[in-house]
Protein backbone atom coordinates (compact mmCIF):
# COMPACT_ATOMS: atom_id res chain seq x y z
CA MET A 1 166.65 -31.49 130.52
CA ALA A 2 164.69 -29.06 128.38
CA ARG A 3 164.70 -25.40 129.44
CA LEU A 4 160.96 -25.32 129.95
CA PRO A 5 160.42 -21.60 130.68
CA LEU A 6 162.07 -20.63 127.39
CA VAL A 7 160.23 -23.37 125.52
CA ALA A 8 156.94 -22.16 127.00
CA LEU A 9 157.68 -18.65 125.81
CA LEU A 10 158.48 -19.83 122.29
CA ILE A 11 155.34 -21.97 122.21
CA GLY A 12 153.34 -18.90 123.14
CA LEU A 13 154.96 -16.87 120.37
CA ALA A 14 154.39 -19.56 117.76
CA SER A 15 150.84 -20.33 118.82
CA SER A 16 149.40 -16.91 119.65
CA ALA A 17 150.88 -14.80 116.87
CA THR A 18 148.49 -14.13 114.02
CA ALA A 19 149.71 -16.58 111.43
CA GLN A 20 147.63 -16.09 108.32
CA THR A 21 145.08 -13.40 107.61
CA ALA A 22 142.21 -14.43 105.38
CA PRO A 23 140.23 -11.59 103.79
CA SER A 24 137.88 -10.06 106.32
CA ALA A 25 134.18 -9.50 105.69
CA ARG A 26 134.89 -5.82 105.11
CA GLU A 27 137.64 -6.62 102.63
CA LEU A 28 135.39 -9.06 100.79
CA GLU A 29 132.69 -6.40 100.50
CA ALA A 30 135.22 -4.02 98.94
CA TYR A 31 136.70 -6.58 96.55
CA GLU A 32 136.02 -6.30 92.85
CA GLY A 33 137.40 -7.73 89.65
CA LEU A 34 139.59 -10.80 89.94
CA PHE A 35 139.64 -10.69 93.73
CA ILE A 36 135.90 -11.22 94.15
CA ALA A 37 135.81 -13.64 91.23
CA ALA A 38 138.55 -15.70 92.88
CA HIS A 39 136.76 -15.67 96.22
CA GLU A 40 133.50 -16.77 94.64
CA GLY A 41 135.07 -19.33 92.32
CA ASP A 42 133.57 -17.62 89.28
CA ILE A 43 135.62 -19.19 86.49
CA ALA A 44 133.77 -17.48 83.65
CA LYS A 45 134.33 -14.08 85.22
CA ILE A 46 138.03 -14.85 85.79
CA GLU A 47 138.45 -15.82 82.15
CA TRP A 48 136.56 -12.73 80.95
CA LEU A 49 138.53 -10.36 83.19
CA VAL A 50 141.84 -11.87 82.10
CA ALA A 51 140.80 -11.50 78.45
CA GLU A 52 139.98 -7.86 79.18
CA GLY A 53 143.50 -7.31 80.54
CA SER A 54 143.06 -7.55 84.31
CA ASP A 55 146.30 -8.06 86.22
CA VAL A 56 146.27 -11.65 87.43
CA ASN A 57 149.04 -10.78 89.93
CA ALA A 58 147.41 -7.67 91.37
CA ARG A 59 147.76 -7.14 95.13
CA ASP A 60 145.28 -6.08 97.77
CA SER A 61 146.23 -4.01 100.84
CA LYS A 62 147.63 -7.12 102.60
CA GLY A 63 149.68 -8.18 99.60
CA ARG A 64 147.32 -10.98 98.64
CA THR A 65 146.98 -11.87 94.98
CA PRO A 66 143.78 -13.36 93.54
CA ALA A 67 145.51 -16.76 93.87
CA HIS A 68 145.90 -16.25 97.63
CA VAL A 69 142.24 -15.25 97.84
CA ALA A 70 141.20 -18.39 95.94
CA ALA A 71 143.31 -20.48 98.33
CA PHE A 72 141.74 -18.92 101.43
CA ALA A 73 138.31 -19.65 99.90
CA SER A 74 139.35 -23.22 98.95
CA GLU A 75 138.32 -22.55 95.35
CA ASP A 76 140.37 -25.14 93.45
CA GLU A 77 139.12 -24.38 89.95
CA ALA A 78 139.53 -20.66 90.44
CA LEU A 79 143.13 -21.30 91.41
CA ARG A 80 143.61 -23.42 88.30
CA ALA A 81 142.09 -20.71 86.07
CA LEU A 82 144.35 -18.07 87.60
CA ALA A 83 147.45 -20.22 87.18
CA GLU A 84 146.58 -20.95 83.56
CA ALA A 85 146.21 -17.20 83.04
CA GLY A 86 149.74 -16.63 84.31
CA ALA A 87 149.36 -16.13 88.06
CA ASP A 88 152.63 -16.31 90.00
CA MET A 89 152.15 -19.46 92.02
CA ASN A 90 155.14 -18.66 94.21
CA ALA A 91 153.97 -15.20 95.24
CA LEU A 92 154.14 -14.38 98.95
CA GLU A 93 151.65 -12.07 100.59
CA HIS A 94 152.75 -9.48 103.17
CA ARG A 95 153.14 -12.02 105.98
CA ALA A 96 155.18 -14.20 103.64
CA TYR A 97 152.65 -16.95 103.00
CA ASP A 98 152.20 -18.75 99.69
CA VAL A 99 149.25 -20.78 98.44
CA VAL A 100 150.80 -24.10 99.49
CA THR A 101 151.26 -22.96 103.08
CA ILE A 102 147.77 -21.44 103.21
CA ALA A 103 146.36 -24.82 102.11
CA ALA A 104 148.64 -26.72 104.50
CA VAL A 105 147.46 -24.69 107.49
CA ALA A 106 143.84 -25.08 106.39
CA ASP A 107 144.34 -28.86 106.18
CA ASP A 108 143.28 -28.79 102.53
CA PRO A 109 145.47 -31.44 100.89
CA GLU A 110 143.64 -31.41 97.55
CA LEU A 111 144.08 -27.70 97.03
CA MET A 112 147.68 -27.93 98.20
CA SER A 113 148.51 -30.73 95.76
CA LEU A 114 146.84 -28.75 92.99
CA ALA A 115 148.95 -25.70 93.83
CA ILE A 116 152.10 -27.82 93.64
CA ASP A 117 150.98 -29.28 90.30
CA LEU A 118 150.42 -25.71 89.08
CA GLY A 119 153.98 -24.73 89.94
CA ASN A 120 154.00 -23.70 93.59
CA ASP A 121 157.33 -24.82 95.09
CA PRO A 122 156.57 -26.99 98.16
CA GLY A 123 159.90 -25.98 99.71
CA LEU A 124 159.50 -22.21 99.76
CA MET A 125 160.59 -20.43 102.93
CA THR A 126 157.38 -18.86 104.21
CA SER A 127 155.82 -17.19 107.25
CA PRO A 128 157.24 -14.67 109.73
CA TYR A 129 159.12 -17.62 111.24
CA ASP A 130 161.12 -18.33 108.07
CA GLY A 131 159.56 -21.77 108.06
CA THR A 132 158.01 -24.00 105.41
CA ALA A 133 154.61 -25.51 104.71
CA LEU A 134 155.92 -28.80 106.09
CA ILE A 135 156.85 -27.23 109.41
CA ALA A 136 153.42 -25.58 109.65
CA ALA A 137 151.62 -28.83 108.89
CA ALA A 138 153.76 -30.78 111.36
CA HIS A 139 152.97 -28.21 114.06
CA LEU A 140 149.23 -28.63 113.43
CA GLY A 141 149.23 -32.43 113.07
CA HIS A 142 147.90 -32.41 109.51
CA VAL A 143 148.94 -35.92 108.58
CA GLU A 144 147.84 -36.18 104.95
CA VAL A 145 149.25 -32.74 104.17
CA VAL A 146 152.58 -33.79 105.68
CA ARG A 147 152.63 -37.00 103.66
CA ARG A 148 151.89 -35.15 100.42
CA LEU A 149 154.54 -32.52 101.10
CA ILE A 150 157.12 -35.21 101.76
CA ALA A 151 156.14 -36.96 98.52
CA ALA A 152 156.46 -33.64 96.69
CA GLY A 153 160.03 -33.21 97.90
CA ALA A 154 159.60 -30.60 100.62
CA PRO A 155 162.81 -30.16 102.64
CA LEU A 156 162.68 -32.40 105.69
CA ASP A 157 165.22 -30.63 107.87
CA HIS A 158 164.65 -26.93 107.28
CA VAL A 159 165.35 -24.95 110.48
CA ASN A 160 163.14 -21.92 111.08
CA ASN A 161 164.04 -18.78 113.02
CA LEU A 162 162.87 -20.38 116.27
CA HIS A 163 165.55 -22.98 115.49
CA TRP A 164 162.94 -25.71 115.11
CA THR A 165 162.50 -28.31 112.38
CA ALA A 166 159.30 -30.10 111.37
CA VAL A 167 160.28 -32.97 113.71
CA MET A 168 160.82 -30.52 116.57
CA GLU A 169 157.50 -28.75 115.97
CA ALA A 170 155.59 -32.03 115.86
CA VAL A 171 156.89 -32.66 119.39
CA VAL A 172 157.08 -29.19 120.95
CA LEU A 173 153.90 -27.74 119.45
CA GLY A 174 152.00 -31.02 119.18
CA ASP A 175 149.78 -32.67 121.77
CA GLY A 176 151.42 -36.08 121.66
CA GLY A 177 148.23 -37.62 120.28
CA PRO A 178 147.64 -39.91 117.29
CA ASP A 179 147.85 -37.21 114.62
CA HIS A 180 151.14 -35.78 115.81
CA GLN A 181 152.47 -39.31 116.32
CA ALA A 182 151.58 -40.09 112.70
CA VAL A 183 153.25 -36.87 111.54
CA LEU A 184 156.40 -37.76 113.45
CA ASP A 185 156.40 -41.26 111.99
CA ALA A 186 155.98 -39.92 108.45
CA LEU A 187 158.89 -37.51 108.91
CA LEU A 188 161.22 -40.06 110.45
CA SER A 189 160.30 -42.77 107.95
CA ALA A 190 161.18 -40.31 105.17
CA GLY A 191 164.61 -39.72 106.69
CA ALA A 192 164.16 -36.52 108.70
CA ASP A 193 167.00 -35.90 111.14
CA ARG A 194 165.80 -36.68 114.67
CA THR A 195 168.99 -35.31 116.27
CA LEU A 196 168.70 -31.66 115.22
CA ALA A 197 168.40 -29.76 118.50
CA ASP A 198 166.90 -26.39 119.33
CA ARG A 199 169.09 -23.36 120.02
CA ASP A 200 169.56 -24.58 123.61
CA GLY A 201 170.84 -27.94 122.44
CA VAL A 202 167.69 -29.83 123.46
CA THR A 203 166.77 -32.62 121.05
CA PRO A 204 163.29 -33.71 119.98
CA LEU A 205 163.75 -36.85 122.10
CA GLN A 206 164.53 -34.80 125.19
CA HIS A 207 161.52 -32.59 124.58
CA ALA A 208 159.27 -35.64 124.15
CA GLU A 209 160.60 -37.10 127.39
CA ALA A 210 160.07 -33.80 129.24
CA ARG A 211 156.48 -33.59 127.96
CA GLY A 212 155.67 -37.20 128.82
CA PHE A 213 154.93 -38.20 125.23
CA ALA A 214 155.72 -41.88 125.66
CA GLU A 215 154.75 -42.97 122.14
CA MET A 216 156.88 -40.24 120.60
CA VAL A 217 159.80 -41.16 122.85
CA GLU A 218 159.53 -44.76 121.68
CA ARG A 219 159.39 -43.70 118.04
CA LEU A 220 162.34 -41.33 118.36
CA LYS A 221 164.42 -44.08 119.98
CA ARG A 222 163.49 -46.69 117.38
CA PRO A 223 165.97 -47.00 114.50
CA ASP A 224 164.45 -47.04 111.02
């Protein structure tokens, strides 16, 4: 049987902690150069600033690069222009997020796929939880993002510092509804290990049973 008090505590930590920090209104007002151009999707200004020698990998006070700012603003073409100008597509901001994970959390599959095409590794270890974009997307039930990450070769069985995998997070942090069911199916169909337990030895199947997620229980019991 799952140790529910501990699980509840971990769920609270994973759900309530500030995950990603998009630029605030005050920060946006103070931005200049490539940072404001990235936020506004101003391609001509990006190209001009790069030609004038602006640092495409400059950092703001939170460690964000212009590429991170473009990702938070969902400015695909700005991201492309920055990458073509030499932006580090695997840069992590101060909370250890990359562009792919920012897009995954935002449920922005097009921007995420673009970032991968531009060189962002879909398997980077990111976030304060030492997780991955796939784990974050599984947690949130972002089905298309999960499918694209799997297709891009993201690691299926990475274990974060909560000792949870993407399969585990789809169950423990999911609501048992259609989206999380589809995420679980995508992971298992791709070959994710359904037996990897949490640090207390509780498996995804046991967690699904404890939470009354009948459809997930059925899927976890069904051989592929």
